[in-house]
């Protein structure tokens, strides 16, 4: 079986403000302001208070990121949801761009 070596995606720890917008399966809109946990050229992670599902499409506005500059708009899709002992959600999303 062939071995494939894929370059590792470098994730930067960052605390940039991010505005997250999405619509749930019932058509209800959500807007939540949070901070990035980490970020890379291909994805982002952050905490959310409102419940969300895998494959949810997001509209993001990222402020003052070392990677993307002063203000960056992006779309992304939720690919991971990790719950901690207190019930906080760490969301992992992949950029559509």
N, C-alpha and C. Protein backbone atom coordinates (compact mmCIF):
# COMPACT_ATOMS: atom_id res chain seq x y z
N UNK A 1 0.85 -1.17 0.00
CA UNK A 1 0.00 0.00 0.00
C UNK A 1 0.90 1.24 0.00
N UNK A 2 0.63 2.21 -0.87
CA UNK A 2 1.48 3.41 -0.92
C UNK A 2 1.29 4.29 0.30
N UNK A 3 2.37 4.94 0.66
CA UNK A 3 2.32 5.86 1.80
C UNK A 3 2.25 7.28 1.26
N UNK A 4 1.31 8.06 1.78
CA UNK A 4 1.16 9.44 1.35
C UNK A 4 1.60 10.36 2.48
N UNK A 5 2.43 11.30 2.16
CA UNK A 5 2.86 12.29 3.14
C UNK A 5 2.20 13.62 2.80
N UNK A 6 1.26 14.00 3.64
CA UNK A 6 0.57 15.26 3.46
C UNK A 6 1.17 16.28 4.41
N UNK A 7 1.38 17.52 3.97
CA UNK A 7 1.94 18.53 4.86
C UNK A 7 0.97 18.82 6.00
N UNK A 8 1.51 18.99 7.18
CA UNK A 8 0.68 19.32 8.35
C UNK A 8 0.17 20.74 8.22
N UNK A 9 -1.07 20.93 8.64
CA UNK A 9 -1.64 22.27 8.65
C UNK A 9 -1.22 22.93 9.95
N UNK A 10 -0.59 24.08 9.82
CA UNK A 10 -0.12 24.80 11.00
C UNK A 10 -1.27 25.60 11.58
N UNK A 11 -1.63 25.30 12.79
CA UNK A 11 -2.68 26.04 13.48
C UNK A 11 -2.03 27.01 14.46
N UNK A 12 -2.46 28.24 14.38
CA UNK A 12 -1.94 29.29 15.25
C UNK A 12 -2.93 29.55 16.38
N UNK A 13 -2.44 29.54 17.61
CA UNK A 13 -3.28 29.94 18.73
C UNK A 13 -3.54 31.43 18.57
N UNK A 14 -4.79 31.83 18.67
CA UNK A 14 -5.12 33.22 18.45
C UNK A 14 -6.42 33.55 19.19
N UNK A 15 -6.51 34.76 19.68
CA UNK A 15 -7.72 35.21 20.38
C UNK A 15 -8.35 36.38 19.66
N UNK A 16 -8.58 36.24 18.37
CA UNK A 16 -9.23 37.29 17.59
C UNK A 16 -10.74 37.22 17.81
N UNK A 17 -11.39 38.37 17.75
CA UNK A 17 -12.85 38.40 17.80
C UNK A 17 -13.39 37.79 16.51
N UNK A 18 -14.48 37.06 16.63
CA UNK A 18 -15.14 36.50 15.44
C UNK A 18 -16.65 36.57 15.64
N UNK A 19 -17.34 37.04 14.62
CA UNK A 19 -18.79 37.07 14.60
C UNK A 19 -19.25 35.89 13.76
N UNK A 20 -20.07 35.03 14.35
CA UNK A 20 -20.50 33.79 13.71
C UNK A 20 -22.01 33.88 13.45
N UNK A 21 -22.42 33.63 12.21
CA UNK A 21 -23.83 33.63 11.84
C UNK A 21 -24.17 32.30 11.20
N UNK A 22 -25.36 31.76 11.55
CA UNK A 22 -25.82 30.52 10.94
C UNK A 22 -27.33 30.39 11.10
N UNK A 23 -27.91 29.45 10.36
CA UNK A 23 -29.33 29.14 10.43
C UNK A 23 -29.45 27.66 10.78
N UNK A 24 -30.28 27.34 11.80
CA UNK A 24 -30.41 25.94 12.19
C UNK A 24 -31.40 25.21 11.29
N UNK A 25 -31.64 23.94 11.56
CA UNK A 25 -32.47 23.10 10.70
C UNK A 25 -33.94 23.54 10.70
N UNK A 26 -34.37 24.31 11.71
CA UNK A 26 -35.74 24.82 11.76
C UNK A 26 -35.86 26.20 11.11
N UNK A 27 -34.76 26.72 10.56
CA UNK A 27 -34.79 28.01 9.92
C UNK A 27 -34.56 29.19 10.86
N UNK A 28 -34.22 28.92 12.10
CA UNK A 28 -33.96 29.98 13.08
C UNK A 28 -32.53 30.51 12.90
N UNK A 29 -32.39 31.83 12.81
CA UNK A 29 -31.08 32.46 12.63
C UNK A 29 -30.40 32.70 13.97
N UNK A 30 -29.09 32.54 13.98
CA UNK A 30 -28.28 32.79 15.16
C UNK A 30 -27.12 33.71 14.80
N UNK A 31 -26.79 34.59 15.71
CA UNK A 31 -25.59 35.42 15.60
C UNK A 31 -24.93 35.38 16.97
N UNK A 32 -23.65 35.03 17.00
CA UNK A 32 -22.94 34.95 18.27
C UNK A 32 -21.53 35.51 18.09
N UNK A 33 -21.14 36.37 19.02
CA UNK A 33 -19.78 36.90 19.01
C UNK A 33 -18.95 36.07 19.98
N UNK A 34 -17.77 35.65 19.53
CA UNK A 34 -16.88 34.83 20.33
C UNK A 34 -15.44 35.19 19.97
N UNK A 35 -14.50 34.37 20.39
CA UNK A 35 -13.09 34.56 20.04
C UNK A 35 -12.54 33.28 19.45
N UNK A 36 -11.59 33.43 18.55
CA UNK A 36 -10.96 32.25 17.98
C UNK A 36 -10.16 31.51 19.05
N UNK A 37 -10.15 30.22 18.95
CA UNK A 37 -9.29 29.38 19.79
C UNK A 37 -7.97 29.17 19.06
N UNK A 38 -8.10 28.77 17.78
CA UNK A 38 -6.95 28.69 16.88
C UNK A 38 -7.44 28.85 15.45
N UNK A 39 -6.48 29.09 14.56
CA UNK A 39 -6.82 29.39 13.17
C UNK A 39 -5.69 28.92 12.26
N UNK A 40 -6.05 28.54 11.03
CA UNK A 40 -5.07 28.19 10.01
C UNK A 40 -5.61 28.68 8.67
N UNK A 41 -4.86 28.47 7.62
CA UNK A 41 -5.32 28.87 6.29
C UNK A 41 -6.54 28.05 5.85
N UNK A 42 -6.75 26.87 6.44
CA UNK A 42 -7.86 26.02 6.02
C UNK A 42 -9.00 25.91 7.02
N UNK A 43 -8.81 26.41 8.25
CA UNK A 43 -9.88 26.25 9.22
C UNK A 43 -9.71 27.09 10.46
N UNK A 44 -10.69 26.97 11.35
CA UNK A 44 -10.77 27.81 12.55
C UNK A 44 -11.48 27.03 13.65
N UNK A 45 -11.18 27.34 14.89
CA UNK A 45 -11.96 26.78 15.99
C UNK A 45 -12.29 27.90 16.97
N UNK A 46 -13.44 27.75 17.63
CA UNK A 46 -13.95 28.75 18.56
C UNK A 46 -15.03 28.10 19.42
N UNK A 47 -15.40 28.75 20.50
CA UNK A 47 -16.46 28.26 21.37
C UNK A 47 -17.78 28.92 21.01
N UNK A 48 -18.88 28.17 21.11
CA UNK A 48 -20.22 28.71 20.94
C UNK A 48 -21.09 28.31 22.12
N UNK A 49 -22.02 29.18 22.47
CA UNK A 49 -22.97 28.89 23.55
C UNK A 49 -24.22 28.20 23.01
N UNK A 50 -24.67 28.62 21.81
CA UNK A 50 -25.88 28.04 21.22
C UNK A 50 -25.58 26.70 20.56
N UNK A 51 -26.54 25.77 20.62
CA UNK A 51 -26.33 24.46 19.99
C UNK A 51 -26.20 24.59 18.47
N UNK A 52 -25.40 23.71 17.90
CA UNK A 52 -25.15 23.72 16.46
C UNK A 52 -24.88 22.28 16.03
N UNK A 53 -25.02 21.99 14.75
CA UNK A 53 -24.84 20.64 14.22
C UNK A 53 -23.65 20.57 13.27
N UNK A 54 -23.10 19.38 13.14
CA UNK A 54 -22.07 19.10 12.13
C UNK A 54 -22.68 19.43 10.76
N UNK A 55 -21.87 19.92 9.85
CA UNK A 55 -22.24 20.29 8.48
C UNK A 55 -23.03 21.60 8.38
N UNK A 56 -23.21 22.32 9.50
CA UNK A 56 -23.87 23.62 9.45
C UNK A 56 -22.96 24.60 8.71
N UNK A 57 -23.54 25.38 7.82
CA UNK A 57 -22.80 26.40 7.08
C UNK A 57 -22.78 27.69 7.89
N UNK A 58 -21.61 28.31 7.96
CA UNK A 58 -21.40 29.51 8.78
C UNK A 58 -20.95 30.68 7.92
N UNK A 59 -21.33 31.87 8.34
CA UNK A 59 -20.76 33.11 7.82
C UNK A 59 -19.94 33.70 8.96
N UNK A 60 -18.67 33.95 8.70
CA UNK A 60 -17.75 34.43 9.74
C UNK A 60 -17.20 35.80 9.37
N UNK A 61 -17.06 36.65 10.38
CA UNK A 61 -16.32 37.89 10.24
C UNK A 61 -15.24 37.86 11.30
N UNK A 62 -14.00 37.77 10.86
CA UNK A 62 -12.85 37.63 11.76
C UNK A 62 -12.14 38.97 11.84
N UNK A 63 -11.94 39.47 13.06
CA UNK A 63 -11.30 40.76 13.24
C UNK A 63 -9.88 40.64 13.75
N UNK A 64 -8.98 41.43 13.23
CA UNK A 64 -7.60 41.56 13.71
C UNK A 64 -6.87 40.22 13.84
N UNK A 65 -6.84 39.46 12.77
CA UNK A 65 -6.15 38.17 12.76
C UNK A 65 -4.75 38.36 12.19
N UNK A 66 -3.76 37.74 12.82
CA UNK A 66 -2.40 37.78 12.30
C UNK A 66 -2.32 37.11 10.93
N UNK A 67 -3.15 36.11 10.70
CA UNK A 67 -3.15 35.37 9.44
C UNK A 67 -3.89 36.10 8.32
N UNK A 68 -5.07 36.69 8.64
CA UNK A 68 -5.92 37.28 7.61
C UNK A 68 -5.97 38.80 7.62
N UNK A 69 -5.34 39.43 8.57
CA UNK A 69 -5.34 40.89 8.61
C UNK A 69 -6.42 41.47 9.50
N UNK A 70 -6.68 42.75 9.26
CA UNK A 70 -7.55 43.53 10.15
C UNK A 70 -9.00 43.04 10.19
N UNK A 71 -9.60 42.75 9.06
CA UNK A 71 -11.00 42.32 9.01
C UNK A 71 -11.16 41.37 7.84
N UNK A 72 -11.70 40.17 8.10
CA UNK A 72 -11.79 39.16 7.05
C UNK A 72 -13.15 38.48 7.13
N UNK A 73 -13.87 38.42 6.02
CA UNK A 73 -15.13 37.69 5.93
C UNK A 73 -14.86 36.34 5.27
N UNK A 74 -15.49 35.30 5.80
CA UNK A 74 -15.29 33.95 5.26
C UNK A 74 -16.55 33.13 5.48
N UNK A 75 -16.69 32.09 4.66
CA UNK A 75 -17.73 31.10 4.90
C UNK A 75 -17.02 29.80 5.28
N UNK A 76 -17.71 29.00 6.08
CA UNK A 76 -17.10 27.77 6.58
C UNK A 76 -18.20 26.76 6.88
N UNK A 77 -17.77 25.51 7.12
CA UNK A 77 -18.70 24.45 7.48
C UNK A 77 -18.19 23.77 8.75
N UNK A 78 -19.11 23.51 9.69
CA UNK A 78 -18.76 22.83 10.94
C UNK A 78 -18.36 21.39 10.64
N UNK A 79 -17.15 21.02 11.08
CA UNK A 79 -16.67 19.65 10.86
C UNK A 79 -16.42 18.90 12.17
N UNK A 80 -16.40 19.63 13.30
CA UNK A 80 -16.13 18.98 14.59
C UNK A 80 -16.81 19.78 15.69
N UNK A 81 -17.40 19.05 16.66
CA UNK A 81 -17.95 19.66 17.86
C UNK A 81 -17.42 18.85 19.04
N UNK A 82 -16.72 19.52 19.93
CA UNK A 82 -16.14 18.85 21.09
C UNK A 82 -16.73 19.49 22.34
N UNK A 83 -17.32 18.67 23.20
CA UNK A 83 -17.92 19.15 24.44
C UNK A 83 -16.97 18.90 25.60
N UNK A 84 -16.83 19.89 26.49
CA UNK A 84 -16.02 19.67 27.68
C UNK A 84 -16.93 19.28 28.85
N UNK A 85 -16.35 19.06 30.02
CA UNK A 85 -17.10 18.58 31.19
C UNK A 85 -18.18 19.58 31.63
N UNK A 86 -17.97 20.88 31.36
CA UNK A 86 -18.93 21.91 31.74
C UNK A 86 -20.02 22.12 30.68
N UNK A 87 -19.94 21.39 29.57
CA UNK A 87 -20.93 21.52 28.51
C UNK A 87 -20.63 22.60 27.49
N UNK A 88 -19.42 23.17 27.52
CA UNK A 88 -19.02 24.16 26.53
C UNK A 88 -18.68 23.46 25.22
N UNK A 89 -19.05 24.08 24.10
CA UNK A 89 -18.80 23.52 22.78
C UNK A 89 -17.60 24.17 22.13
N UNK A 90 -16.61 23.38 21.76
CA UNK A 90 -15.50 23.86 20.93
C UNK A 90 -15.84 23.43 19.51
N UNK A 91 -16.00 24.40 18.63
CA UNK A 91 -16.41 24.15 17.25
C UNK A 91 -15.20 24.19 16.34
N UNK A 92 -15.04 23.19 15.50
CA UNK A 92 -14.01 23.19 14.46
C UNK A 92 -14.71 23.35 13.12
N UNK A 93 -14.27 24.33 12.32
CA UNK A 93 -14.89 24.58 11.03
C UNK A 93 -13.82 24.69 9.94
N UNK A 94 -14.16 24.22 8.76
CA UNK A 94 -13.26 24.28 7.61
C UNK A 94 -13.75 25.40 6.69
N UNK A 95 -12.83 26.26 6.26
CA UNK A 95 -13.19 27.34 5.35
C UNK A 95 -13.61 26.77 4.00
N UNK A 96 -14.62 27.39 3.39
CA UNK A 96 -15.09 26.99 2.06
C UNK A 96 -14.17 27.49 0.96
N UNK A 97 -13.44 28.53 1.21
CA UNK A 97 -12.60 29.19 0.20
C UNK A 97 -11.39 28.39 -0.14
